[in-house]
N, C-alpha and C. Protein backbone atom coordinates (compact mmCIF):
# COMPACT_ATOMS: atom_id res chain seq x y z
N MET A 1 -18.33 -58.17 -54.82
CA MET A 1 -19.58 -58.91 -54.84
C MET A 1 -19.41 -60.18 -54.01
N VAL A 2 -20.34 -60.42 -53.11
CA VAL A 2 -20.31 -61.61 -52.25
C VAL A 2 -21.09 -62.71 -52.93
N LYS A 3 -20.50 -63.88 -53.02
CA LYS A 3 -21.18 -65.03 -53.63
C LYS A 3 -22.11 -65.67 -52.63
N ASP A 4 -23.27 -66.13 -53.11
CA ASP A 4 -24.20 -66.87 -52.28
C ASP A 4 -23.72 -68.31 -52.19
N SER A 5 -23.50 -68.79 -50.97
CA SER A 5 -23.09 -70.18 -50.79
C SER A 5 -23.41 -70.59 -49.36
N LEU A 6 -23.50 -71.88 -49.16
CA LEU A 6 -23.72 -72.39 -47.81
C LEU A 6 -22.57 -72.00 -46.90
N GLY A 7 -21.34 -72.08 -47.42
CA GLY A 7 -20.17 -71.70 -46.63
C GLY A 7 -20.25 -70.27 -46.16
N ASN A 8 -20.62 -69.35 -47.05
CA ASN A 8 -20.73 -67.94 -46.67
C ASN A 8 -21.87 -67.72 -45.69
N ALA A 9 -22.98 -68.43 -45.88
CA ALA A 9 -24.10 -68.31 -44.94
C ALA A 9 -23.66 -68.76 -43.55
N LEU A 10 -22.92 -69.87 -43.47
CA LEU A 10 -22.43 -70.34 -42.18
C LEU A 10 -21.48 -69.33 -41.54
N ARG A 11 -20.62 -68.74 -42.35
CA ARG A 11 -19.69 -67.74 -41.80
C ARG A 11 -20.44 -66.56 -41.19
N LEU A 12 -21.57 -66.18 -41.81
CA LEU A 12 -22.35 -65.04 -41.31
C LEU A 12 -23.09 -65.37 -40.02
N ILE A 13 -23.63 -66.59 -39.92
CA ILE A 13 -24.42 -66.91 -38.73
C ILE A 13 -23.57 -67.42 -37.57
N ARG A 14 -22.28 -67.70 -37.81
CA ARG A 14 -21.35 -68.14 -36.78
C ARG A 14 -21.94 -69.30 -35.98
N PRO A 15 -22.00 -70.49 -36.55
CA PRO A 15 -22.67 -71.62 -35.91
C PRO A 15 -21.92 -72.15 -34.69
N VAL A 16 -22.65 -72.87 -33.86
CA VAL A 16 -22.06 -73.67 -32.80
C VAL A 16 -21.75 -75.02 -33.44
N VAL A 17 -20.52 -75.49 -33.30
CA VAL A 17 -20.11 -76.75 -33.90
C VAL A 17 -19.88 -77.77 -32.79
N VAL A 18 -20.55 -78.91 -32.89
CA VAL A 18 -20.35 -80.02 -31.96
C VAL A 18 -19.80 -81.19 -32.77
N MET A 19 -18.59 -81.63 -32.40
CA MET A 19 -17.94 -82.72 -33.13
C MET A 19 -17.87 -83.96 -32.25
N ASP A 20 -18.23 -85.08 -32.82
CA ASP A 20 -18.05 -86.35 -32.14
C ASP A 20 -16.69 -86.90 -32.57
N GLU A 21 -15.87 -87.29 -31.62
CA GLU A 21 -14.52 -87.80 -31.88
C GLU A 21 -13.70 -86.81 -32.72
N GLY A 22 -13.77 -85.55 -32.32
CA GLY A 22 -13.10 -84.49 -33.06
C GLY A 22 -11.59 -84.60 -33.09
N TYR A 23 -11.00 -85.41 -32.23
CA TYR A 23 -9.55 -85.56 -32.26
C TYR A 23 -9.08 -86.15 -33.59
N LYS A 24 -10.02 -86.73 -34.34
CA LYS A 24 -9.65 -87.27 -35.65
C LYS A 24 -9.51 -86.17 -36.69
N ALA A 25 -9.98 -84.97 -36.37
CA ALA A 25 -9.90 -83.83 -37.30
C ALA A 25 -8.61 -83.06 -37.06
N THR A 26 -7.49 -83.76 -36.92
CA THR A 26 -6.23 -83.09 -36.62
C THR A 26 -5.45 -82.63 -37.84
N PRO A 27 -5.67 -83.17 -39.04
CA PRO A 27 -4.92 -82.62 -40.17
C PRO A 27 -5.21 -81.14 -40.35
N GLU A 28 -4.23 -80.40 -40.75
CA GLU A 28 -4.37 -78.95 -40.87
C GLU A 28 -5.51 -78.57 -41.79
N LEU A 29 -5.72 -79.31 -42.87
CA LEU A 29 -6.81 -79.00 -43.80
C LEU A 29 -8.17 -79.12 -43.12
N ALA A 30 -8.36 -80.16 -42.33
CA ALA A 30 -9.62 -80.34 -41.60
C ALA A 30 -9.81 -79.21 -40.59
N PHE A 31 -8.76 -78.87 -39.90
CA PHE A 31 -8.82 -77.81 -38.90
C PHE A 31 -9.15 -76.47 -39.56
N LYS A 32 -8.51 -76.16 -40.69
CA LYS A 32 -8.78 -74.90 -41.40
C LYS A 32 -10.21 -74.88 -41.94
N ALA A 33 -10.69 -76.01 -42.46
CA ALA A 33 -12.05 -76.07 -42.98
C ALA A 33 -13.06 -75.81 -41.87
N LEU A 34 -12.86 -76.45 -40.73
CA LEU A 34 -13.77 -76.28 -39.60
C LEU A 34 -13.82 -74.82 -39.15
N TYR A 35 -12.66 -74.23 -38.91
CA TYR A 35 -12.63 -72.86 -38.42
C TYR A 35 -12.87 -71.85 -39.52
N GLY A 36 -12.83 -72.29 -40.79
CA GLY A 36 -13.19 -71.41 -41.90
C GLY A 36 -14.66 -71.04 -41.90
N PHE A 37 -15.49 -71.80 -41.17
CA PHE A 37 -16.92 -71.48 -41.07
C PHE A 37 -17.19 -70.44 -39.99
N ASN A 38 -16.13 -69.91 -39.38
CA ASN A 38 -16.26 -68.84 -38.39
C ASN A 38 -17.19 -69.22 -37.24
N PRO A 39 -16.98 -70.39 -36.62
CA PRO A 39 -17.90 -70.81 -35.55
C PRO A 39 -17.74 -69.92 -34.31
N CYS A 40 -18.85 -69.71 -33.61
CA CYS A 40 -18.75 -68.95 -32.36
C CYS A 40 -18.31 -69.85 -31.21
N PHE A 41 -18.46 -71.18 -31.41
CA PHE A 41 -18.08 -72.11 -30.35
C PHE A 41 -17.88 -73.48 -30.99
N VAL A 42 -16.83 -74.19 -30.55
CA VAL A 42 -16.56 -75.54 -31.03
C VAL A 42 -16.45 -76.44 -29.80
N SER A 43 -17.25 -77.51 -29.79
CA SER A 43 -17.20 -78.47 -28.70
C SER A 43 -16.90 -79.85 -29.27
N GLU A 44 -15.92 -80.49 -28.70
CA GLU A 44 -15.55 -81.84 -29.12
C GLU A 44 -15.99 -82.80 -28.04
N LEU A 45 -16.74 -83.81 -28.43
CA LEU A 45 -17.18 -84.84 -27.49
C LEU A 45 -16.40 -86.11 -27.79
N THR A 46 -15.71 -86.62 -26.80
CA THR A 46 -14.95 -87.84 -26.99
C THR A 46 -14.66 -88.48 -25.65
N ALA A 47 -14.52 -89.78 -25.67
CA ALA A 47 -14.11 -90.50 -24.47
C ALA A 47 -12.60 -90.61 -24.42
N THR A 48 -11.93 -90.22 -25.49
CA THR A 48 -10.48 -90.37 -25.57
C THR A 48 -9.83 -89.08 -26.08
N PRO A 49 -9.82 -88.02 -25.26
CA PRO A 49 -9.23 -86.77 -25.72
C PRO A 49 -7.73 -86.91 -25.96
N LYS A 50 -7.26 -86.23 -26.99
CA LYS A 50 -5.84 -86.28 -27.33
C LYS A 50 -5.36 -84.87 -27.66
N ASP A 51 -4.19 -84.54 -27.16
CA ASP A 51 -3.56 -83.28 -27.52
C ASP A 51 -2.92 -83.42 -28.90
N VAL A 52 -2.92 -82.34 -29.65
CA VAL A 52 -2.25 -82.31 -30.95
C VAL A 52 -0.92 -81.62 -30.74
N LEU A 53 0.16 -82.30 -31.08
CA LEU A 53 1.49 -81.75 -30.87
C LEU A 53 1.84 -80.74 -31.94
N ALA A 54 2.66 -79.78 -31.56
CA ALA A 54 3.14 -78.79 -32.53
C ALA A 54 4.06 -79.49 -33.53
N ARG A 55 4.08 -78.93 -34.74
CA ARG A 55 4.94 -79.50 -35.77
C ARG A 55 5.67 -78.35 -36.45
N VAL A 56 6.94 -78.56 -36.68
CA VAL A 56 7.75 -77.57 -37.39
C VAL A 56 8.20 -78.17 -38.72
N GLY A 57 8.77 -77.35 -39.56
CA GLY A 57 9.26 -77.87 -40.84
C GLY A 57 8.42 -77.36 -41.99
N LYS A 58 8.26 -78.22 -43.00
CA LYS A 58 7.58 -77.83 -44.23
C LYS A 58 6.10 -77.49 -43.99
N SER A 59 5.43 -78.24 -43.12
CA SER A 59 4.00 -78.01 -42.82
C SER A 59 3.83 -77.76 -41.33
N PRO A 60 4.24 -76.60 -40.84
CA PRO A 60 4.15 -76.35 -39.39
C PRO A 60 2.70 -76.20 -38.94
N ARG A 61 2.49 -76.52 -37.66
CA ARG A 61 1.18 -76.28 -37.05
C ARG A 61 1.39 -76.04 -35.57
N PRO A 62 0.53 -75.23 -34.98
CA PRO A 62 0.65 -75.00 -33.54
C PRO A 62 0.08 -76.18 -32.75
N ALA A 63 0.50 -76.29 -31.51
CA ALA A 63 -0.06 -77.32 -30.63
C ALA A 63 -1.48 -76.94 -30.25
N ARG A 64 -2.32 -77.95 -30.07
CA ARG A 64 -3.68 -77.71 -29.60
C ARG A 64 -3.94 -78.70 -28.47
N SER A 65 -4.22 -78.18 -27.30
CA SER A 65 -4.45 -79.04 -26.14
C SER A 65 -5.92 -79.36 -25.99
N ALA A 66 -6.20 -80.60 -25.59
CA ALA A 66 -7.57 -81.00 -25.30
C ALA A 66 -8.00 -80.32 -24.01
N ASN A 67 -9.19 -79.78 -23.99
CA ASN A 67 -9.73 -79.13 -22.81
C ASN A 67 -10.74 -80.10 -22.18
N VAL A 68 -10.29 -80.85 -21.19
CA VAL A 68 -11.13 -81.87 -20.56
C VAL A 68 -12.03 -81.20 -19.54
N LEU A 69 -13.34 -81.27 -19.77
CA LEU A 69 -14.31 -80.67 -18.86
C LEU A 69 -14.75 -81.64 -17.78
N VAL A 70 -14.91 -82.91 -18.16
CA VAL A 70 -15.37 -83.93 -17.24
C VAL A 70 -14.55 -85.19 -17.47
N GLU A 71 -14.13 -85.82 -16.41
CA GLU A 71 -13.45 -87.10 -16.53
C GLU A 71 -14.20 -88.11 -15.68
N ILE A 72 -14.61 -89.18 -16.33
CA ILE A 72 -15.39 -90.21 -15.65
C ILE A 72 -14.62 -91.52 -15.76
N THR A 73 -14.41 -92.17 -14.64
CA THR A 73 -13.66 -93.42 -14.64
C THR A 73 -14.57 -94.59 -15.00
N GLY A 74 -13.95 -95.70 -15.34
CA GLY A 74 -14.70 -96.92 -15.63
C GLY A 74 -15.52 -97.38 -14.43
N LEU A 75 -14.98 -97.19 -13.22
CA LEU A 75 -15.73 -97.57 -12.01
C LEU A 75 -17.00 -96.74 -11.87
N ASP A 76 -16.91 -95.42 -12.19
CA ASP A 76 -18.09 -94.57 -12.12
C ASP A 76 -19.16 -95.03 -13.11
N VAL A 77 -18.73 -95.38 -14.30
CA VAL A 77 -19.65 -95.86 -15.33
C VAL A 77 -20.30 -97.16 -14.88
N ASP A 78 -19.51 -98.04 -14.30
CA ASP A 78 -20.04 -99.32 -13.82
C ASP A 78 -21.05 -99.11 -12.70
N ARG A 79 -20.74 -98.21 -11.76
CA ARG A 79 -21.66 -97.94 -10.64
C ARG A 79 -23.02 -97.42 -11.13
N GLU A 80 -23.01 -96.71 -12.25
CA GLU A 80 -24.25 -96.17 -12.81
C GLU A 80 -24.98 -97.19 -13.69
N GLY A 81 -24.43 -98.39 -13.80
CA GLY A 81 -25.06 -99.43 -14.59
C GLY A 81 -24.99 -99.18 -16.08
N MET A 82 -23.97 -98.47 -16.54
CA MET A 82 -23.87 -98.11 -17.96
C MET A 82 -23.00 -99.06 -18.77
N ILE A 83 -22.36 -100.01 -18.12
CA ILE A 83 -21.54 -100.96 -18.86
C ILE A 83 -22.44 -102.10 -19.31
N LYS A 84 -22.48 -102.32 -20.61
CA LYS A 84 -23.38 -103.33 -21.16
C LYS A 84 -22.66 -104.64 -21.45
N MET A 85 -21.35 -104.62 -21.47
CA MET A 85 -20.61 -105.83 -21.82
C MET A 85 -19.60 -106.12 -20.71
N PRO A 86 -19.75 -107.26 -20.06
CA PRO A 86 -18.78 -107.56 -19.00
C PRO A 86 -17.42 -107.90 -19.58
N LEU A 87 -16.40 -107.39 -18.96
CA LEU A 87 -15.03 -107.72 -19.32
C LEU A 87 -14.42 -108.44 -18.13
N ASN A 88 -13.98 -109.65 -18.36
CA ASN A 88 -13.36 -110.42 -17.30
C ASN A 88 -11.88 -110.56 -17.63
N LEU A 89 -11.05 -109.95 -16.82
CA LEU A 89 -9.62 -110.00 -17.04
C LEU A 89 -8.99 -110.90 -15.99
N GLU A 90 -8.08 -111.70 -16.44
CA GLU A 90 -7.37 -112.60 -15.54
C GLU A 90 -5.89 -112.48 -15.86
N THR A 91 -5.11 -112.10 -14.88
CA THR A 91 -3.67 -111.97 -15.10
C THR A 91 -2.98 -113.27 -14.73
N ARG A 92 -1.92 -113.56 -15.45
CA ARG A 92 -1.15 -114.78 -15.20
C ARG A 92 0.33 -114.44 -15.27
N GLY A 93 1.08 -115.05 -14.41
CA GLY A 93 2.52 -114.86 -14.45
C GLY A 93 3.14 -115.71 -15.55
N GLY A 94 4.35 -115.39 -15.89
CA GLY A 94 5.04 -116.17 -16.92
C GLY A 94 4.99 -115.48 -18.26
N SER A 95 5.72 -116.05 -19.19
CA SER A 95 5.81 -115.40 -20.50
C SER A 95 5.42 -116.33 -21.64
N GLU A 96 4.76 -117.44 -21.33
CA GLU A 96 4.39 -118.38 -22.39
C GLU A 96 3.05 -117.97 -22.97
N TRP A 97 3.09 -117.24 -24.07
CA TRP A 97 1.88 -116.70 -24.66
C TRP A 97 0.96 -117.77 -25.22
N ARG A 98 1.51 -118.89 -25.64
CA ARG A 98 0.68 -119.96 -26.18
C ARG A 98 -0.23 -120.56 -25.08
N GLU A 99 0.30 -120.69 -23.88
CA GLU A 99 -0.50 -121.20 -22.76
C GLU A 99 -1.62 -120.21 -22.43
N THR A 100 -1.31 -118.94 -22.47
CA THR A 100 -2.34 -117.92 -22.23
C THR A 100 -3.44 -118.03 -23.28
N LEU A 101 -3.05 -118.19 -24.54
CA LEU A 101 -4.04 -118.36 -25.61
C LEU A 101 -4.87 -119.63 -25.43
N ARG A 102 -4.22 -120.70 -25.00
CA ARG A 102 -4.93 -121.97 -24.77
C ARG A 102 -6.02 -121.78 -23.72
N ILE A 103 -5.68 -121.12 -22.64
CA ILE A 103 -6.65 -120.89 -21.56
C ILE A 103 -7.78 -119.98 -22.06
N ALA A 104 -7.42 -118.95 -22.82
CA ALA A 104 -8.43 -118.03 -23.37
C ALA A 104 -9.37 -118.77 -24.33
N LEU A 105 -8.82 -119.66 -25.13
CA LEU A 105 -9.63 -120.42 -26.08
C LEU A 105 -10.57 -121.37 -25.34
N GLU A 106 -10.11 -121.96 -24.25
CA GLU A 106 -10.98 -122.80 -23.42
C GLU A 106 -12.15 -121.98 -22.88
N ARG A 107 -11.84 -120.78 -22.42
CA ARG A 107 -12.89 -119.89 -21.89
C ARG A 107 -13.87 -119.50 -22.99
N LEU A 108 -13.37 -119.23 -24.19
CA LEU A 108 -14.24 -118.90 -25.32
C LEU A 108 -15.17 -120.06 -25.62
N ASN A 109 -14.65 -121.28 -25.61
CA ASN A 109 -15.48 -122.46 -25.88
C ASN A 109 -16.55 -122.65 -24.81
N THR A 110 -16.20 -122.37 -23.55
CA THR A 110 -17.17 -122.45 -22.46
C THR A 110 -18.28 -121.42 -22.67
N LEU A 111 -17.89 -120.20 -23.00
CA LEU A 111 -18.89 -119.14 -23.24
C LEU A 111 -19.76 -119.47 -24.45
N ASP A 112 -19.18 -120.08 -25.47
CA ASP A 112 -19.95 -120.45 -26.65
C ASP A 112 -21.01 -121.49 -26.29
N ALA A 113 -20.63 -122.46 -25.47
CA ALA A 113 -21.60 -123.48 -25.03
C ALA A 113 -22.73 -122.84 -24.23
N GLU A 114 -22.39 -121.90 -23.35
CA GLU A 114 -23.41 -121.20 -22.57
C GLU A 114 -24.31 -120.36 -23.48
N ALA A 115 -23.70 -119.73 -24.49
CA ALA A 115 -24.48 -118.90 -25.43
C ALA A 115 -25.46 -119.76 -26.23
N ARG A 116 -25.02 -120.94 -26.63
CA ARG A 116 -25.91 -121.85 -27.38
C ARG A 116 -27.07 -122.33 -26.51
N ARG A 117 -26.78 -122.63 -25.24
CA ARG A 117 -27.83 -123.04 -24.30
C ARG A 117 -28.81 -121.88 -24.12
N PHE A 118 -28.30 -120.67 -23.95
CA PHE A 118 -29.13 -119.48 -23.78
C PHE A 118 -30.01 -119.25 -25.01
N GLN A 119 -29.43 -119.45 -26.19
CA GLN A 119 -30.19 -119.27 -27.43
C GLN A 119 -31.32 -120.29 -27.52
N GLY A 120 -31.04 -121.52 -27.11
CA GLY A 120 -32.07 -122.55 -27.12
C GLY A 120 -33.23 -122.22 -26.19
N GLU A 121 -32.92 -121.58 -25.05
CA GLU A 121 -33.95 -121.26 -24.07
C GLU A 121 -34.72 -119.99 -24.41
N THR A 122 -34.04 -119.01 -25.00
CA THR A 122 -34.66 -117.69 -25.20
C THR A 122 -34.83 -117.29 -26.66
N GLY A 123 -34.09 -117.93 -27.55
CA GLY A 123 -34.13 -117.52 -28.95
C GLY A 123 -33.20 -116.35 -29.26
N ARG A 124 -32.54 -115.80 -28.26
CA ARG A 124 -31.61 -114.68 -28.45
C ARG A 124 -30.22 -115.22 -28.73
N TYR A 125 -29.57 -114.63 -29.73
CA TYR A 125 -28.23 -115.06 -30.13
C TYR A 125 -27.17 -114.14 -29.52
N ILE A 126 -26.21 -114.72 -28.88
CA ILE A 126 -25.06 -113.99 -28.35
C ILE A 126 -23.82 -114.66 -28.93
N ARG A 127 -22.91 -113.85 -29.48
CA ARG A 127 -21.70 -114.40 -30.09
C ARG A 127 -20.50 -114.04 -29.22
N PRO A 128 -19.98 -114.98 -28.46
CA PRO A 128 -18.76 -114.68 -27.70
C PRO A 128 -17.58 -114.49 -28.66
N ILE A 129 -16.71 -113.57 -28.30
CA ILE A 129 -15.51 -113.34 -29.11
C ILE A 129 -14.28 -113.36 -28.22
N LEU A 130 -13.15 -113.61 -28.83
CA LEU A 130 -11.87 -113.57 -28.15
C LEU A 130 -11.05 -112.49 -28.84
N LEU A 131 -10.61 -111.50 -28.08
CA LEU A 131 -9.79 -110.42 -28.62
C LEU A 131 -8.36 -110.62 -28.15
N VAL A 132 -7.44 -110.68 -29.09
CA VAL A 132 -6.03 -110.88 -28.78
C VAL A 132 -5.26 -109.69 -29.33
N GLN A 133 -4.45 -109.07 -28.50
CA GLN A 133 -3.60 -107.97 -28.96
C GLN A 133 -2.16 -108.48 -29.01
N ALA A 134 -1.61 -108.47 -30.21
CA ALA A 134 -0.24 -108.95 -30.40
C ALA A 134 0.75 -107.77 -30.34
N GLU A 135 2.00 -108.11 -30.05
CA GLU A 135 3.03 -107.07 -29.93
C GLU A 135 3.40 -106.44 -31.27
N ARG A 136 3.39 -107.22 -32.34
CA ARG A 136 3.82 -106.72 -33.66
C ARG A 136 2.82 -107.16 -34.72
N THR A 137 2.72 -106.33 -35.79
CA THR A 137 1.81 -106.66 -36.88
C THR A 137 2.46 -106.48 -38.26
N GLY A 138 3.43 -105.65 -38.38
CA GLY A 138 4.05 -105.39 -39.68
C GLY A 138 4.81 -106.60 -40.19
N LEU A 139 4.73 -106.84 -41.51
CA LEU A 139 5.40 -108.00 -42.08
C LEU A 139 6.90 -107.99 -41.83
N GLU A 140 7.51 -106.81 -41.84
CA GLU A 140 8.96 -106.73 -41.62
C GLU A 140 9.33 -106.91 -40.15
N GLN A 141 8.34 -107.01 -39.27
CA GLN A 141 8.60 -107.15 -37.83
C GLN A 141 8.42 -108.58 -37.35
N ARG A 142 8.25 -109.52 -38.23
CA ARG A 142 7.88 -110.87 -37.84
C ARG A 142 8.97 -111.60 -37.07
N ASP A 143 10.21 -111.46 -37.40
CA ASP A 143 11.28 -112.23 -36.75
C ASP A 143 12.09 -111.40 -35.77
N GLY A 144 11.44 -110.55 -35.01
CA GLY A 144 12.18 -109.69 -34.09
C GLY A 144 12.16 -110.14 -32.65
N GLY A 145 11.74 -111.37 -32.39
CA GLY A 145 11.69 -111.83 -31.01
C GLY A 145 10.44 -111.39 -30.27
N PHE A 146 9.48 -110.79 -31.00
CA PHE A 146 8.23 -110.36 -30.40
C PHE A 146 7.11 -111.28 -30.90
N ILE A 147 5.98 -111.24 -30.19
CA ILE A 147 4.82 -112.02 -30.62
C ILE A 147 4.16 -111.27 -31.76
N HIS A 148 4.05 -111.93 -32.90
CA HIS A 148 3.50 -111.31 -34.10
C HIS A 148 2.06 -111.80 -34.32
N ALA A 149 1.22 -110.96 -34.90
CA ALA A 149 -0.18 -111.31 -35.14
C ALA A 149 -0.30 -112.58 -35.99
N LEU A 150 0.57 -112.75 -36.96
CA LEU A 150 0.50 -113.95 -37.80
C LEU A 150 0.91 -115.21 -37.03
N ASP A 151 1.81 -115.07 -36.05
CA ASP A 151 2.15 -116.21 -35.18
C ASP A 151 0.93 -116.62 -34.36
N VAL A 152 0.21 -115.62 -33.85
CA VAL A 152 -0.99 -115.90 -33.07
C VAL A 152 -2.03 -116.59 -33.95
N LYS A 153 -2.21 -116.08 -35.17
CA LYS A 153 -3.19 -116.68 -36.08
C LYS A 153 -2.83 -118.13 -36.39
N GLU A 154 -1.56 -118.39 -36.68
CA GLU A 154 -1.13 -119.75 -36.97
C GLU A 154 -1.39 -120.67 -35.79
N TRP A 155 -1.11 -120.20 -34.57
CA TRP A 155 -1.34 -121.02 -33.39
C TRP A 155 -2.83 -121.31 -33.22
N LEU A 156 -3.68 -120.31 -33.43
CA LEU A 156 -5.12 -120.52 -33.28
C LEU A 156 -5.65 -121.52 -34.32
N VAL A 157 -5.10 -121.51 -35.51
CA VAL A 157 -5.50 -122.48 -36.53
C VAL A 157 -5.09 -123.89 -36.10
N THR A 158 -3.86 -124.03 -35.59
CA THR A 158 -3.41 -125.36 -35.13
C THR A 158 -4.20 -125.82 -33.90
N ALA A 159 -4.79 -124.85 -33.15
CA ALA A 159 -5.59 -125.20 -31.97
C ALA A 159 -7.02 -125.58 -32.34
N GLY A 160 -7.38 -125.47 -33.63
CA GLY A 160 -8.68 -125.94 -34.04
C GLY A 160 -9.62 -124.91 -34.64
N LEU A 161 -9.25 -123.64 -34.63
CA LEU A 161 -10.13 -122.65 -35.26
C LEU A 161 -9.95 -122.69 -36.77
N ASP A 162 -11.02 -122.42 -37.47
CA ASP A 162 -10.93 -122.30 -38.93
C ASP A 162 -10.39 -120.91 -39.26
N GLU A 163 -9.62 -120.81 -40.32
CA GLU A 163 -9.00 -119.53 -40.69
C GLU A 163 -10.02 -118.40 -40.84
N PRO A 164 -11.20 -118.63 -41.44
CA PRO A 164 -12.17 -117.53 -41.56
C PRO A 164 -12.72 -117.05 -40.21
N GLU A 165 -12.53 -117.84 -39.15
CA GLU A 165 -12.99 -117.42 -37.83
C GLU A 165 -12.04 -116.40 -37.19
N ILE A 166 -10.89 -116.19 -37.78
CA ILE A 166 -9.86 -115.32 -37.21
C ILE A 166 -9.76 -114.07 -38.06
N ALA A 167 -9.97 -112.92 -37.45
CA ALA A 167 -9.88 -111.65 -38.17
C ALA A 167 -8.74 -110.83 -37.57
N ILE A 168 -7.88 -110.32 -38.43
CA ILE A 168 -6.77 -109.46 -37.99
C ILE A 168 -7.08 -108.04 -38.45
N THR A 169 -6.94 -107.11 -37.52
CA THR A 169 -7.14 -105.71 -37.85
C THR A 169 -5.91 -104.93 -37.41
N THR A 170 -5.27 -104.27 -38.37
CA THR A 170 -4.10 -103.43 -38.11
C THR A 170 -4.26 -102.15 -38.92
N ALA A 171 -3.24 -101.33 -38.93
CA ALA A 171 -3.26 -100.12 -39.75
C ALA A 171 -3.34 -100.48 -41.24
N ASP A 172 -2.80 -101.64 -41.62
CA ASP A 172 -2.76 -102.04 -43.03
C ASP A 172 -3.79 -103.09 -43.41
N THR A 173 -4.34 -103.80 -42.46
CA THR A 173 -5.24 -104.93 -42.72
C THR A 173 -6.51 -104.76 -41.90
N ASN A 174 -7.66 -105.06 -42.52
CA ASN A 174 -8.91 -105.06 -41.75
C ASN A 174 -9.78 -106.22 -42.22
N ASP A 175 -9.54 -107.39 -41.61
CA ASP A 175 -10.33 -108.57 -41.95
C ASP A 175 -11.78 -108.45 -41.50
N LEU A 176 -12.09 -107.48 -40.63
CA LEU A 176 -13.46 -107.32 -40.15
C LEU A 176 -14.39 -106.84 -41.26
N THR A 177 -13.85 -106.35 -42.36
CA THR A 177 -14.69 -105.91 -43.47
C THR A 177 -15.02 -107.07 -44.42
N ALA A 178 -14.46 -108.26 -44.16
CA ALA A 178 -14.78 -109.43 -44.99
C ALA A 178 -16.26 -109.76 -44.81
N PRO A 179 -16.93 -110.24 -45.86
CA PRO A 179 -18.38 -110.50 -45.76
C PRO A 179 -18.78 -111.38 -44.59
N GLU A 180 -17.97 -112.40 -44.25
CA GLU A 180 -18.36 -113.28 -43.14
C GLU A 180 -18.27 -112.60 -41.79
N ASN A 181 -17.63 -111.45 -41.72
CA ASN A 181 -17.51 -110.75 -40.44
C ASN A 181 -18.48 -109.58 -40.31
N LEU A 182 -19.31 -109.35 -41.31
CA LEU A 182 -20.30 -108.27 -41.26
C LEU A 182 -21.64 -108.84 -40.81
N GLN A 183 -22.32 -108.09 -39.94
CA GLN A 183 -23.63 -108.54 -39.48
C GLN A 183 -24.69 -108.15 -40.50
N ASP A 184 -25.73 -108.94 -40.57
CA ASP A 184 -26.84 -108.62 -41.48
C ASP A 184 -27.75 -107.60 -40.85
């Protein structure tokens, strides 16, 4: 006797499955659930395709390669006018990360002043942000001779930022979920 269920109905009609950011569905359970619906076609849409490596041992799995149909560069996207946020990168020689942060903070303050002037003229609010990527984030990695996220945070506080203005996001921490960092 066949049970009536949505799962069985899907298996019979063999749906077309379109996944957004499907590379996140790499655990074997997710993969088995997806293909358990007996799809006739699976399409993954992502800007960051990733191959899944084979694994041996207690929970083996076969390798699955990303099938890239189209590759579009950042320059192509820019030429089509699809970039909505300008990114201005400036490289500097040397290894003094505090000086780099000082210059970046000056630029942030300049952009903030321009944003406030723009808001006064148009009523539109723009919030400039400064994104800093540190070499290390784990608590046990703090004294390894690398730039740690907490070192960066401490420096930014001594440079005049308030602690709630600084959000750290790592595999273990996500300050962006704090109420002051959520938009209304």
